[in-house]
């Protein structure tokens, strides 16, 4: 079975949406969404913990203000992180919860907040070590069959963890979100990227710019040189490095600044082999063995 891909240069990550004041105005956010669609970007990545639901809520308010947009875009959302960063003395403990009750409620809440009829990809955000795979798998299958989600997937899971879940399901897991960048290439060497491709998961790469670390040191020098050679920008070249990999991982870009998004669209679809390895060498400090 071929591995599916996200048919966009990158996915728009909504983790910072609630932090931008002007995005709290539904019509302004609707204008922003429409502008991204016109740029060919129609995948939007959410999670229930982004602003404690505020990101999904704001997005849904924009879609309610301009309903026609909902049919032109696709959404990913994630759940399973409970009590994220509890305040000291609250008595709450951060934990992971992939129980059917938690995930069913998360799916219903996301549908309501996002104001969409279906979540295209629903991912278990972090592996719950107490997960009953049979029960959770059944809940995900039922959500797919009910039309609430188009497909289920995982994020930040080991192959053994997602395979245990998959073995309990009728429907295939279809998407897999991992940390991957020039500065964090471990999944390419430890087998985890190969595993997700072998299991026909569409790969998504979170933190594709490594939190700004790519703009420092030798990696930055190499990115700038290659960007000049390709009439591009360093950020766009870093995303092209990811898209050059087998099965074309979709970078998840967290910026909502239009000018920043436009800059990251100025890159090639993929990199020449030698340029790709030059960036890997710059990040690792040595050439391949």
Protein backbone atom coordinates (compact mmCIF):
# COMPACT_ATOMS: atom_id res chain seq x y z
CA UNK A 1 0.00 0.00 0.00
CA UNK A 2 1.51 3.39 -0.96
CA UNK A 3 2.16 5.86 1.83
CA UNK A 4 -0.28 8.81 1.66
CA UNK A 5 1.12 12.33 1.70
CA UNK A 6 -0.19 15.78 2.55
CA UNK A 7 -0.49 17.53 -0.81
CA UNK A 8 0.75 20.94 0.35
CA UNK A 9 4.20 22.56 0.74
CA UNK A 10 3.58 22.53 4.49
CA UNK A 11 0.86 22.23 7.11
CA UNK A 12 -0.12 25.33 9.08
CA UNK A 13 0.32 24.70 12.81
CA UNK A 14 -2.21 26.51 14.98
CA UNK A 15 -0.35 26.23 18.30
CA UNK A 16 0.23 30.01 18.48
CA UNK A 17 -3.07 31.15 17.04
CA UNK A 18 -4.57 32.16 20.40
CA UNK A 19 -1.49 34.29 21.22
CA UNK A 20 -2.12 36.71 18.33
CA UNK A 21 -4.62 39.39 19.34
CA UNK A 22 -5.94 40.25 15.88
CA UNK A 23 -6.76 36.59 15.26
CA UNK A 24 -9.41 36.84 17.99
CA UNK A 25 -11.57 38.75 15.49
CA UNK A 26 -13.51 36.15 13.46
CA UNK A 27 -13.57 38.12 10.21
CA UNK A 28 -9.86 38.89 10.43
CA UNK A 29 -9.05 35.22 11.00
CA UNK A 30 -11.40 34.23 8.16
CA UNK A 31 -9.50 36.63 5.87
CA UNK A 32 -6.23 35.04 7.03
CA UNK A 33 -7.54 31.52 6.35
CA UNK A 34 -8.78 32.54 2.90
CA UNK A 35 -5.40 34.07 2.06
CA UNK A 36 -3.65 30.83 3.03
CA UNK A 37 -6.04 28.82 0.86
CA UNK A 38 -5.22 31.09 -2.07
CA UNK A 39 -1.55 30.25 -1.45
CA UNK A 40 -2.31 26.57 -1.82
CA UNK A 41 -2.16 25.82 1.92
CA UNK A 42 -5.30 24.01 3.04
CA UNK A 43 -4.16 21.78 5.95
CA UNK A 44 -4.44 23.23 9.47
CA UNK A 45 -3.00 21.41 12.49
CA UNK A 46 -4.68 21.81 15.90
CA UNK A 47 -4.67 20.16 19.34
CA UNK A 48 -6.99 20.43 22.29
CA UNK A 49 -4.16 21.75 24.48
CA UNK A 50 -3.35 24.70 22.21
CA UNK A 51 -4.55 27.54 24.40
CA UNK A 52 -6.62 25.01 26.36
CA UNK A 53 -9.04 24.78 23.44
CA UNK A 54 -8.79 28.45 22.49
CA UNK A 55 -7.05 27.74 19.17
CA UNK A 56 -9.83 25.43 17.99
CA UNK A 57 -12.49 27.82 19.31
CA UNK A 58 -11.10 30.83 17.44
CA UNK A 59 -10.77 28.81 14.25
CA UNK A 60 -14.37 27.64 14.57
CA UNK A 61 -15.61 31.17 15.12
CA UNK A 62 -13.94 32.21 11.86
CA UNK A 63 -15.60 29.33 10.00
CA UNK A 64 -18.98 30.24 11.45
CA UNK A 65 -18.43 33.81 10.28
CA UNK A 66 -17.61 32.54 6.77
CA UNK A 67 -19.14 29.04 6.40
CA UNK A 68 -18.00 28.48 2.79
CA UNK A 69 -14.39 28.16 3.98
CA UNK A 70 -15.05 24.88 5.77
CA UNK A 71 -15.45 22.99 2.49
CA UNK A 72 -12.12 24.26 1.19
CA UNK A 73 -9.84 23.23 4.05
CA UNK A 74 -8.73 20.15 5.95
CA UNK A 75 -8.02 19.85 9.66
CA UNK A 76 -5.82 17.72 11.87
CA UNK A 77 -6.34 17.76 15.61
CA UNK A 78 -4.78 15.87 18.47
CA UNK A 79 -5.74 14.82 21.99
CA UNK A 80 -4.52 12.71 24.95
CA UNK A 81 -2.50 15.24 26.98
CA UNK A 82 -4.46 15.91 30.18
CA UNK A 83 -3.81 18.66 32.74
CA UNK A 84 -1.10 20.19 30.59
CA UNK A 85 1.31 22.25 32.74
CA UNK A 86 -0.85 22.40 35.89
CA UNK A 87 -0.26 25.35 38.19
CA UNK A 88 1.68 24.65 41.41
CA UNK A 89 -0.59 23.67 44.28
CA UNK A 90 -3.51 22.85 41.99
CA UNK A 91 -3.38 19.20 42.97
CA UNK A 92 -3.48 18.24 39.29
CA UNK A 93 -0.92 16.01 37.59
CA UNK A 94 -0.05 16.20 33.92
CA UNK A 95 -0.71 12.82 32.31
CA UNK A 96 -1.72 11.10 29.10
CA UNK A 97 -5.16 9.66 28.54
CA UNK A 98 -6.10 7.60 25.49
CA UNK A 99 -9.14 5.99 27.09
CA UNK A 100 -12.29 5.74 24.95
CA UNK A 101 -14.18 8.15 27.22
CA UNK A 102 -11.46 10.80 26.97
CA UNK A 103 -10.95 10.49 23.21
CA UNK A 104 -14.68 10.36 22.42
CA UNK A 105 -15.22 13.53 24.42
CA UNK A 106 -12.18 15.15 22.78
CA UNK A 107 -13.48 14.36 19.29
CA UNK A 108 -16.95 15.74 20.05
CA UNK A 109 -15.50 18.85 21.68
CA UNK A 110 -13.16 19.46 18.73
CA UNK A 111 -15.97 19.10 16.21
CA UNK A 112 -17.98 21.66 18.16
CA UNK A 113 -15.12 24.09 18.69
CA UNK A 114 -13.82 23.85 15.10
CA UNK A 115 -17.30 24.05 13.57
CA UNK A 116 -16.57 21.30 11.05
CA UNK A 117 -18.61 18.22 10.21
CA UNK A 118 -15.60 15.91 10.22
CA UNK A 119 -12.01 15.96 11.49
CA UNK A 120 -9.90 14.79 8.57
CA UNK A 121 -7.12 13.34 10.74
CA UNK A 122 -7.46 12.74 14.50
CA UNK A 123 -4.17 11.89 16.23
CA UNK A 124 -3.40 10.52 19.68
CA UNK A 125 -1.02 13.26 20.78
CA UNK A 126 1.21 11.31 23.16
CA UNK A 127 1.32 7.59 24.02
CA UNK A 128 -0.73 6.66 27.06
CA UNK A 129 1.18 3.89 28.83
CA UNK A 130 -2.07 2.73 30.47
CA UNK A 131 -3.95 2.47 27.17
CA UNK A 132 -6.23 -0.50 26.66
CA UNK A 133 -5.49 -0.99 22.96
CA UNK A 134 -8.61 -3.05 22.29
CA UNK A 135 -10.92 -0.45 23.80
CA UNK A 136 -9.16 2.54 22.27
CA UNK A 137 -8.93 0.88 18.87
CA UNK A 138 -12.63 0.12 18.95
CA UNK A 139 -13.42 3.75 19.87
CA UNK A 140 -11.36 5.07 16.95
CA UNK A 141 -12.93 2.59 14.52
CA UNK A 142 -16.39 3.68 15.67
CA UNK A 143 -15.52 7.38 15.28
CA UNK A 144 -14.41 6.70 11.70
CA UNK A 145 -17.53 4.68 10.92
CA UNK A 146 -19.73 7.39 12.42
CA UNK A 147 -18.13 9.95 10.08
CA UNK A 148 -16.75 12.03 12.94
CA UNK A 149 -13.15 11.54 11.80
CA UNK A 150 -11.80 10.71 8.38
CA UNK A 151 -8.82 8.77 9.69
CA UNK A 152 -6.94 8.14 12.91
CA UNK A 153 -3.24 8.46 13.52
CA UNK A 154 -0.60 9.02 16.16
CA UNK A 155 1.96 11.55 17.27
CA UNK A 156 5.21 10.94 19.16
CA UNK A 157 4.63 7.17 19.40
CA UNK A 158 7.12 4.33 19.11
CA UNK A 159 6.45 1.77 16.39
CA UNK A 160 5.67 -0.87 19.02
CA UNK A 161 3.07 1.44 20.57
CA UNK A 162 1.22 2.30 17.36
CA UNK A 163 1.39 -1.30 16.14
CA UNK A 164 -0.23 -2.52 19.34
CA UNK A 165 -3.06 -0.08 18.68
CA UNK A 166 -3.23 -0.94 14.97
CA UNK A 167 -3.53 -4.64 15.74
CA UNK A 168 -6.73 -3.86 17.65
CA UNK A 169 -8.28 -1.81 14.82
CA UNK A 170 -10.15 -2.56 11.59
CA UNK A 171 -9.25 0.77 9.97
CA UNK A 172 -5.62 1.68 9.26
CA UNK A 173 -3.78 4.39 11.13
CA UNK A 174 -3.00 6.93 8.41
CA UNK A 175 -0.90 9.80 9.78
CA UNK A 176 2.09 10.06 12.07
CA UNK A 177 3.54 13.27 13.50
CA UNK A 178 7.12 13.26 14.82
CA UNK A 179 9.80 15.77 15.66
CA UNK A 180 12.03 15.97 12.60
CA UNK A 181 14.36 18.63 11.23
CA UNK A 182 17.91 19.12 10.01
CA UNK A 183 18.92 19.62 13.64
CA UNK A 184 16.87 16.64 14.86
CA UNK A 185 17.58 13.88 12.37
CA UNK A 186 17.60 11.00 14.87
CA UNK A 187 14.41 9.42 13.39
CA UNK A 188 16.32 8.91 10.13
CA UNK A 189 18.97 6.84 11.90
CA UNK A 190 17.07 4.99 14.63
CA UNK A 191 14.56 3.35 12.28
CA UNK A 192 11.48 5.24 13.45
CA UNK A 193 11.02 7.16 10.19
CA UNK A 194 11.40 3.94 8.21
CA UNK A 195 8.86 2.26 10.49
CA UNK A 196 6.15 4.85 9.92
CA UNK A 197 6.72 4.74 6.16
CA UNK A 198 6.64 0.94 6.17
CA UNK A 199 3.28 1.08 7.94
CA UNK A 200 1.86 3.50 5.34
CA UNK A 201 1.57 6.50 7.67
CA UNK A 202 1.63 9.94 6.10
CA UNK A 203 4.60 11.61 7.84
CA UNK A 204 4.30 15.03 9.45
CA UNK A 205 7.30 16.87 10.93
CA UNK A 206 6.77 19.13 13.92
CA UNK A 207 9.37 21.76 14.86
CA UNK A 208 10.81 21.68 11.30
CA UNK A 209 12.98 24.73 12.03
CA UNK A 210 14.12 23.33 15.39
CA UNK A 211 12.83 26.29 17.36
CA UNK A 212 15.19 28.68 15.56
CA UNK A 213 18.34 26.62 16.10
CA UNK A 214 18.71 26.25 12.34
CA UNK A 215 19.44 29.95 12.09
CA UNK A 216 22.60 29.65 14.15
CA UNK A 217 26.12 28.36 13.50
CA UNK A 218 27.24 26.24 10.58
CA UNK A 219 23.71 25.16 9.63
CA UNK A 220 22.71 28.81 9.20
CA UNK A 221 25.75 29.50 6.98
CA UNK A 222 24.97 26.51 4.78
CA UNK A 223 21.27 27.37 4.56
CA UNK A 224 22.06 30.94 3.56
CA UNK A 225 24.53 29.80 0.90
CA UNK A 226 22.06 27.34 -0.58
CA UNK A 227 19.22 29.86 -0.37
CA UNK A 228 21.29 32.33 -2.42
CA UNK A 229 22.07 29.64 -4.98
CA UNK A 230 18.39 28.72 -5.35
CA UNK A 231 16.92 32.25 -5.09
CA UNK A 232 15.15 31.10 -1.94
CA UNK A 233 15.17 31.78 1.80
CA UNK A 234 16.89 29.79 4.60
CA UNK A 235 13.55 28.74 6.11
CA UNK A 236 12.21 27.54 2.77
CA UNK A 237 15.39 25.55 2.18
CA UNK A 238 15.02 23.87 5.57
CA UNK A 239 11.51 22.77 4.62
CA UNK A 240 12.71 21.54 1.23
CA UNK A 241 15.28 19.40 3.08
CA UNK A 242 12.38 17.63 4.81
CA UNK A 243 10.29 17.29 1.65
CA UNK A 244 13.24 15.64 -0.10
CA UNK A 245 12.91 12.61 2.15
CA UNK A 246 11.03 9.49 1.00
CA UNK A 247 7.25 9.90 1.22
CA UNK A 248 7.61 13.68 1.37
CA UNK A 249 7.07 14.56 5.05
CA UNK A 250 4.80 17.56 5.58
CA UNK A 251 6.47 20.18 7.79
CA UNK A 252 4.15 21.70 10.41
CA UNK A 253 4.92 25.42 10.44
CA UNK A 254 3.78 27.29 13.55
CA UNK A 255 3.96 30.89 12.32
CA UNK A 256 0.78 32.85 11.57
CA UNK A 257 2.66 35.85 10.12
CA UNK A 258 1.71 36.21 6.44
CA UNK A 259 5.15 37.49 5.44
CA UNK A 260 6.86 34.58 7.20
CA UNK A 261 4.56 32.07 5.53
CA UNK A 262 5.20 33.65 2.13
CA UNK A 263 8.97 33.44 2.69
CA UNK A 264 8.72 29.74 3.46
CA UNK A 265 6.89 29.13 0.18
CA UNK A 266 9.87 30.41 -1.80
CA UNK A 267 11.77 27.14 -1.78
CA UNK A 268 12.22 24.30 -4.26
CA UNK A 269 10.14 21.13 -4.02
CA UNK A 270 13.26 19.17 -3.08
CA UNK A 271 17.01 19.57 -2.84
CA UNK A 272 19.83 18.12 -4.93
CA UNK A 273 21.40 15.16 -3.16
CA UNK A 274 24.71 16.91 -2.43
CA UNK A 275 22.97 19.98 -1.01
CA UNK A 276 20.80 17.75 1.19
CA UNK A 277 23.85 15.98 2.60
CA UNK A 278 25.70 19.28 3.03
CA UNK A 279 22.97 20.41 5.45
CA UNK A 280 23.07 17.08 7.29
CA UNK A 281 26.84 17.39 7.62
CA UNK A 282 26.55 20.97 8.90
CA UNK A 283 24.11 19.86 11.58
CA UNK A 284 26.03 16.77 12.70
CA UNK A 285 29.52 18.26 12.46
CA UNK A 286 30.87 15.42 10.35
CA UNK A 287 30.25 13.81 7.01
CA UNK A 288 28.42 10.51 6.67
CA UNK A 289 30.53 7.46 7.43
